[in-house]
Amino acid sequence: MFKVIQKRDGRKVPFDDGKITDAIFKAAMAVGGEDRQTAMELTIETLKMLKSQYNGHVFGVEDVQDVVEKVLIESGYARTAKAYILYRDRRTRIRDAKGDLMDAVEEILEETNRENANISNSPSAKMLQIASAASKKYYLTRLIPEELSLAHQRGDIHIHDLDFYGKTLTCL
């Protein structure tokens, strides 16, 4: 039916409706479902809706996910839809954190001034700075409660020695 789909990074890749079925089935299993046949039927409904909305046009991954959510809700699978939405949100936050981390790494590698007198610009110091940035992203996205993480990112609070958050009690 569809030949290609546009990925988030703009690449066009072969379309695989099996990925839709897999995603629906995983969401269903997360809430106790065990019927892959239903996931396949919901995939067919998703494909029909995609055809009516995008017939002849290339659509993206986000478009497919939006349609899957709609199909799940309209078909009476609200609990599965909720699991699907929560998983989608978690993956989005992880992707965003990875993007932020790579931006931080790029900045560290390009940086030539020294904010901290205890850190040089040697290759080993750069590696320590990258590890520090990765640790901070990890703690903010995976360990610290979301409301505290957001407060830190907004500057409402400051978590001192955030890069050592899970390793030491010295500054907590």
C-alpha atoms as a PDB file:
ATOM      1  CA  MET A   1       0.000   0.000   0.000  1.00  0.00           C
ATOM      2  CA  PHE A   2       2.630   2.553   1.088  1.00  0.00           C
ATOM      3  CA  LYS A   3       6.182   2.432  -0.166  1.00  0.00           C
ATOM      4  CA  VAL A   4       8.061   4.955   2.008  1.00  0.00           C
ATOM      5  CA  ILE A   5       7.830   6.826   5.287  1.00  0.00           C
ATOM      6  CA  GLN A   6       9.764   9.888   6.384  1.00  0.00           C
ATOM      7  CA  LYS A   7      11.809   9.427   9.537  1.00  0.00           C
ATOM      8  CA  ARG A   8      12.224  12.187  12.121  1.00  0.00           C
ATOM      9  CA  ASP A   9      15.621  13.102  10.670  1.00  0.00           C
ATOM     10  CA  GLY A  10      14.118  13.600   7.202  1.00  0.00           C
ATOM     11  CA  ARG A  11      15.307  10.338   5.651  1.00  0.00           C
ATOM     12  CA  LYS A  12      12.814   8.381   3.584  1.00  0.00           C
ATOM     13  CA  VAL A  13      12.889   4.657   4.270  1.00  0.00           C
ATOM     14  CA  PRO A  14      10.777   1.683   3.187  1.00  0.00           C
ATOM     15  CA  PHE A  15       7.404   1.562   4.944  1.00  0.00           C
ATOM     16  CA  ASP A  16       6.829  -1.497   7.149  1.00  0.00           C
ATOM     17  CA  ASP A  17       3.324  -1.916   8.548  1.00  0.00           C
ATOM     18  CA  GLY A  18       4.631  -4.674  10.810  1.00  0.00           C
ATOM     19  CA  LYS A  19       6.164  -1.976  12.982  1.00  0.00           C
ATOM     20  CA  ILE A  20       2.691  -0.566  13.609  1.00  0.00           C
ATOM     21  CA  THR A  21       1.408  -3.995  14.628  1.00  0.00           C
ATOM     22  CA  ASP A  22       4.410  -4.520  16.913  1.00  0.00           C
ATOM     23  CA  ALA A  23       3.898  -1.138  18.610  1.00  0.00           C
ATOM     24  CA  ILE A  24       0.175  -1.730  19.139  1.00  0.00           C
ATOM     25  CA  PHE A  25       0.798  -5.228  20.467  1.00  0.00           C
ATOM     26  CA  LYS A  26       3.493  -4.033  22.887  1.00  0.00           C
ATOM     27  CA  ALA A  27       1.136  -1.361  24.221  1.00  0.00           C
ATOM     28  CA  ALA A  28      -1.624  -3.965  24.586  1.00  0.00           C
ATOM     29  CA  MET A  29       0.705  -6.353  26.434  1.00  0.00           C
ATOM     30  CA  ALA A  30       1.649  -3.531  28.806  1.00  0.00           C
ATOM     31  CA  VAL A  31      -1.988  -3.490  29.986  1.00  0.00           C
ATOM     32  CA  GLY A  32      -2.506  -7.262  29.964  1.00  0.00           C
ATOM     33  CA  GLY A  33      -3.495  -7.860  26.340  1.00  0.00           C
ATOM     34  CA  GLU A  34      -2.439 -11.045  24.584  1.00  0.00           C
ATOM     35  CA  ASP A  35      -4.183 -10.941  21.204  1.00  0.00           C
ATOM     36  CA  ARG A  36      -1.820 -10.152  18.335  1.00  0.00           C
ATOM     37  CA  GLN A  37      -4.684 -10.668  15.862  1.00  0.00           C
ATOM     38  CA  THR A  38      -6.439  -7.613  17.321  1.00  0.00           C
ATOM     39  CA  ALA A  39      -3.237  -5.617  16.897  1.00  0.00           C
ATOM     40  CA  MET A  40      -3.159  -6.677  13.241  1.00  0.00           C
ATOM     41  CA  GLU A  41      -6.789  -5.622  12.778  1.00  0.00           C
ATOM     42  CA  LEU A  42      -6.062  -2.257  14.368  1.00  0.00           C
ATOM     43  CA  THR A  43      -3.094  -1.906  12.021  1.00  0.00           C
ATOM     44  CA  ILE A  44      -5.440  -2.369   9.062  1.00  0.00           C
ATOM     45  CA  GLU A  45      -7.686   0.381  10.461  1.00  0.00           C
ATOM     46  CA  THR A  46      -4.625   2.586  10.870  1.00  0.00           C
ATOM     47  CA  LEU A  47      -3.594   1.945   7.265  1.00  0.00           C
ATOM     48  CA  LYS A  48      -7.097   2.824   6.047  1.00  0.00           C
ATOM     49  CA  MET A  49      -7.032   6.089   7.947  1.00  0.00           C
ATOM     50  CA  LEU A  50      -3.530   6.886   6.680  1.00  0.00           C
ATOM     51  CA  LYS A  51      -4.693   6.250   3.121  1.00  0.00           C
ATOM     52  CA  SER A  52      -7.674   8.561   3.520  1.00  0.00           C
ATOM     53  CA  GLN A  53      -5.517  11.325   5.009  1.00  0.00           C
ATOM     54  CA  TYR A  54      -2.281  10.988   3.038  1.00  0.00           C
ATOM     55  CA  ASN A  55      -3.143   9.109  -0.157  1.00  0.00           C
ATOM     56  CA  GLY A  56      -0.387   9.865  -2.634  1.00  0.00           C
ATOM     57  CA  HIS A  57       1.698  11.864  -0.147  1.00  0.00           C
ATOM     58  CA  VAL A  58       4.609  10.808   2.011  1.00  0.00           C
ATOM     59  CA  PHE A  59       3.876  10.987   5.736  1.00  0.00           C
ATOM     60  CA  GLY A  60       6.115  10.844   8.763  1.00  0.00           C
ATOM     61  CA  VAL A  61       6.542   8.632  11.799  1.00  0.00           C
ATOM     62  CA  GLU A  62       4.741  11.170  14.003  1.00  0.00           C
ATOM     63  CA  ASP A  63       1.787  11.158  11.601  1.00  0.00           C
ATOM     64  CA  VAL A  64       1.509   7.381  11.893  1.00  0.00           C
ATOM     65  CA  GLN A  65       1.716   7.538  15.677  1.00  0.00           C
ATOM     66  CA  ASP A  66      -1.025  10.179  15.802  1.00  0.00           C
ATOM     67  CA  VAL A  67      -3.283   7.972  13.677  1.00  0.00           C
ATOM     68  CA  VAL A  68      -2.526   4.896  15.807  1.00  0.00           C
ATOM     69  CA  GLU A  69      -3.590   6.816  18.918  1.00  0.00           C
ATOM     70  CA  LYS A  70      -6.807   7.904  17.223  1.00  0.00           C
ATOM     71  CA  VAL A  71      -7.602   4.384  16.021  1.00  0.00           C
ATOM     72  CA  LEU A  72      -6.979   2.882  19.462  1.00  0.00           C
ATOM     73  CA  ILE A  73      -9.238   5.413  21.169  1.00  0.00           C
ATOM     74  CA  GLU A  74     -12.004   5.252  18.547  1.00  0.00           C
ATOM     75  CA  SER A  75     -11.919   1.446  18.622  1.00  0.00           C
ATOM     76  CA  GLY A  76     -12.468   1.352  22.378  1.00  0.00           C
ATOM     77  CA  TYR A  77      -8.936   0.484  23.466  1.00  0.00           C
ATOM     78  CA  ALA A  78      -8.402   3.435  25.805  1.00  0.00           C
ATOM     79  CA  ARG A  79      -6.068   1.575  28.187  1.00  0.00           C
ATOM     80  CA  THR A  80      -3.898   0.424  25.284  1.00  0.00           C
ATOM     81  CA  ALA A  81      -3.972   3.958  23.873  1.00  0.00           C
ATOM     82  CA  LYS A  82      -2.792   5.317  27.220  1.00  0.00           C
ATOM     83  CA  ALA A  83       0.095   2.825  27.356  1.00  0.00           C
ATOM     84  CA  TYR A  84       0.982   3.718  23.755  1.00  0.00           C
ATOM     85  CA  ILE A  85       0.888   7.456  24.505  1.00  0.00           C
ATOM     86  CA  LEU A  86       3.005   7.089  27.653  1.00  0.00           C
ATOM     87  CA  TYR A  87       5.600   4.979  25.812  1.00  0.00           C
ATOM     88  CA  ARG A  88       5.657   7.500  22.968  1.00  0.00           C
ATOM     89  CA  ASP A  89       6.173  10.355  25.442  1.00  0.00           C
ATOM     90  CA  ARG A  90       9.000   8.510  27.196  1.00  0.00           C
ATOM     91  CA  ARG A  91      10.763   7.825  23.899  1.00  0.00           C
ATOM     92  CA  THR A  92      10.381  11.479  22.905  1.00  0.00           C
ATOM     93  CA  ARG A  93      11.973  12.607  26.169  1.00  0.00           C
ATOM     94  CA  ILE A  94      14.840  10.149  25.671  1.00  0.00           C
ATOM     95  CA  ARG A  95      15.391  11.362  22.090  1.00  0.00           C
ATOM     96  CA  ASP A  96      15.347  14.965  23.275  1.00  0.00           C
ATOM     97  CA  ALA A  97      17.834  14.183  26.039  1.00  0.00           C
ATOM     98  CA  LYS A  98      20.151  12.473  23.558  1.00  0.00           C
ATOM     99  CA  GLY A  99      19.965  15.512  21.296  1.00  0.00           C
ATOM    100  CA  ASP A 100      20.699  17.807  24.224  1.00  0.00           C
ATOM    101  CA  LEU A 101      23.592  15.585  25.251  1.00  0.00           C
ATOM    102  CA  MET A 102      25.124  15.671  21.780  1.00  0.00           C
ATOM    103  CA  ASP A 103      24.796  19.463  21.784  1.00  0.00           C
ATOM    104  CA  ALA A 104      26.613  19.566  25.128  1.00  0.00           C
ATOM    105  CA  VAL A 105      29.350  17.265  23.798  1.00  0.00           C
ATOM    106  CA  GLU A 106      29.801  19.455  20.731  1.00  0.00           C
ATOM    107  CA  GLU A 107      30.099  22.533  22.925  1.00  0.00           C
ATOM    108  CA  ILE A 108      32.654  20.835  25.176  1.00  0.00           C
ATOM    109  CA  LEU A 109      34.762  19.750  22.221  1.00  0.00           C
ATOM    110  CA  GLU A 110      34.715  23.240  20.677  1.00  0.00           C
ATOM    111  CA  GLU A 111      35.192  25.110  23.943  1.00  0.00           C
ATOM    112  CA  THR A 112      38.553  26.737  24.487  1.00  0.00           C
ATOM    113  CA  ASN A 113      38.001  28.882  27.568  1.00  0.00           C
ATOM    114  CA  ARG A 114      38.185  27.491  31.093  1.00  0.00           C
ATOM    115  CA  GLU A 115      35.294  28.188  33.424  1.00  0.00           C
ATOM    116  CA  ASN A 116      36.726  26.003  36.175  1.00  0.00           C
ATOM    117  CA  ALA A 117      40.364  26.412  37.210  1.00  0.00           C
ATOM    118  CA  ASN A 118      40.414  22.733  38.217  1.00  0.00           C
ATOM    119  CA  ILE A 119      39.719  21.541  34.662  1.00  0.00           C
ATOM    120  CA  SER A 120      42.160  21.864  31.780  1.00  0.00           C
ATOM    121  CA  ASN A 121      41.510  21.535  28.057  1.00  0.00           C
ATOM    122  CA  SER A 122      43.496  18.320  27.642  1.00  0.00           C
ATOM    123  CA  PRO A 123      41.876  15.355  25.881  1.00  0.00           C
ATOM    124  CA  SER A 124      41.400  13.540  29.194  1.00  0.00           C
ATOM    125  CA  ALA A 125      39.782  16.638  30.707  1.00  0.00           C
ATOM    126  CA  LYS A 126      37.413  16.813  27.727  1.00  0.00           C
ATOM    127  CA  MET A 127      36.444  13.181  28.334  1.00  0.00           C
ATOM    128  CA  LEU A 128      35.684  13.982  31.975  1.00  0.00           C
ATOM    129  CA  GLN A 129      33.562  16.956  30.897  1.00  0.00           C
ATOM    130  CA  ILE A 130      31.630  14.753  28.461  1.00  0.00           C
ATOM    131  CA  ALA A 131      31.074  12.146  31.180  1.00  0.00           C
ATOM    132  CA  SER A 132      29.855  14.898  33.485  1.00  0.00           C
ATOM    133  CA  ALA A 133      27.401  16.179  30.858  1.00  0.00           C
ATOM    134  CA  ALA A 134      26.130  12.631  30.211  1.00  0.00           C
ATOM    135  CA  SER A 135      25.660  12.009  33.930  1.00  0.00           C
ATOM    136  CA  LYS A 136      23.683  15.233  34.314  1.00  0.00           C
ATOM    137  CA  LYS A 137      21.387  14.352  31.402  1.00  0.00           C
ATOM    138  CA  TYR A 138      20.884  10.856  32.776  1.00  0.00           C
ATOM    139  CA  TYR A 139      19.945  12.049  36.249  1.00  0.00           C
ATOM    140  CA  LEU A 140      17.657  14.800  34.952  1.00  0.00           C
ATOM    141  CA  THR A 141      15.765  12.522  32.553  1.00  0.00           C
ATOM    142  CA  ARG A 142      15.781   9.166  34.309  1.00  0.00           C
ATOM    143  CA  LEU A 143      16.316   9.451  38.063  1.00  0.00           C
ATOM    144  CA  ILE A 144      15.224  12.799  39.454  1.00  0.00           C
ATOM    145  CA  PRO A 145      11.440  13.341  39.657  1.00  0.00           C
ATOM    146  CA  GLU A 146      10.202  15.324  36.666  1.00  0.00           C
ATOM    147  CA  GLU A 147       8.994  18.351  38.659  1.00  0.00           C
ATOM    148  CA  LEU A 148      12.421  18.727  40.325  1.00  0.00           C
ATOM    149  CA  SER A 149      14.250  18.177  37.055  1.00  0.00           C
ATOM    150  CA  LEU A 150      12.182  20.890  35.358  1.00  0.00           C
ATOM    151  CA  ALA A 151      12.690  23.251  38.312  1.00  0.00           C
ATOM    152  CA  HIS A 152      16.459  22.749  38.006  1.00  0.00           C
ATOM    153  CA  GLN A 153      16.387  23.326  34.241  1.00  0.00           C
ATOM    154  CA  ARG A 154      14.316  26.515  34.674  1.00  0.00           C
ATOM    155  CA  GLY A 155      16.736  27.758  37.325  1.00  0.00           C
ATOM    156  CA  ASP A 156      14.137  27.718  40.109  1.00  0.00           C
ATOM    157  CA  ILE A 157      16.407  25.411  42.112  1.00  0.00           C
ATOM    158  CA  HIS A 158      20.020  24.308  41.720  1.00  0.00           C
ATOM    159  CA  ILE A 159      21.149  20.749  42.263  1.00  0.00           C
ATOM    160  CA  HIS A 160      24.781  21.121  43.283  1.00  0.00           C
ATOM    161  CA  ASP A 161      27.176  18.531  41.833  1.00  0.00           C
ATOM    162  CA  LEU A 162      24.379  17.111  39.695  1.00  0.00           C
ATOM    163  CA  ASP A 163      26.858  14.966  37.783  1.00  0.00           C
ATOM    164  CA  PHE A 164      27.522  13.033  41.018  1.00  0.00           C
ATOM    165  CA  TYR A 165      23.859  12.872  42.097  1.00  0.00           C
ATOM    166  CA  GLY A 166      23.623   9.092  42.209  1.00  0.00           C
ATOM    167  CA  LYS A 167      27.170   8.475  43.419  1.00  0.00           C
ATOM    168  CA  THR A 168      27.746  10.554  46.534  1.00  0.00           C
ATOM    169  CA  LEU A 169      25.887  12.207  49.384  1.00  0.00           C
ATOM    170  CA  THR A 170      28.550  14.876  49.862  1.00  0.00           C
ATOM    171  CA  CYS A 171      26.625  17.802  48.430  1.00  0.00           C
ATOM    172  CA  LEU A 172      23.041  16.693  48.745  1.00  0.00           C
END
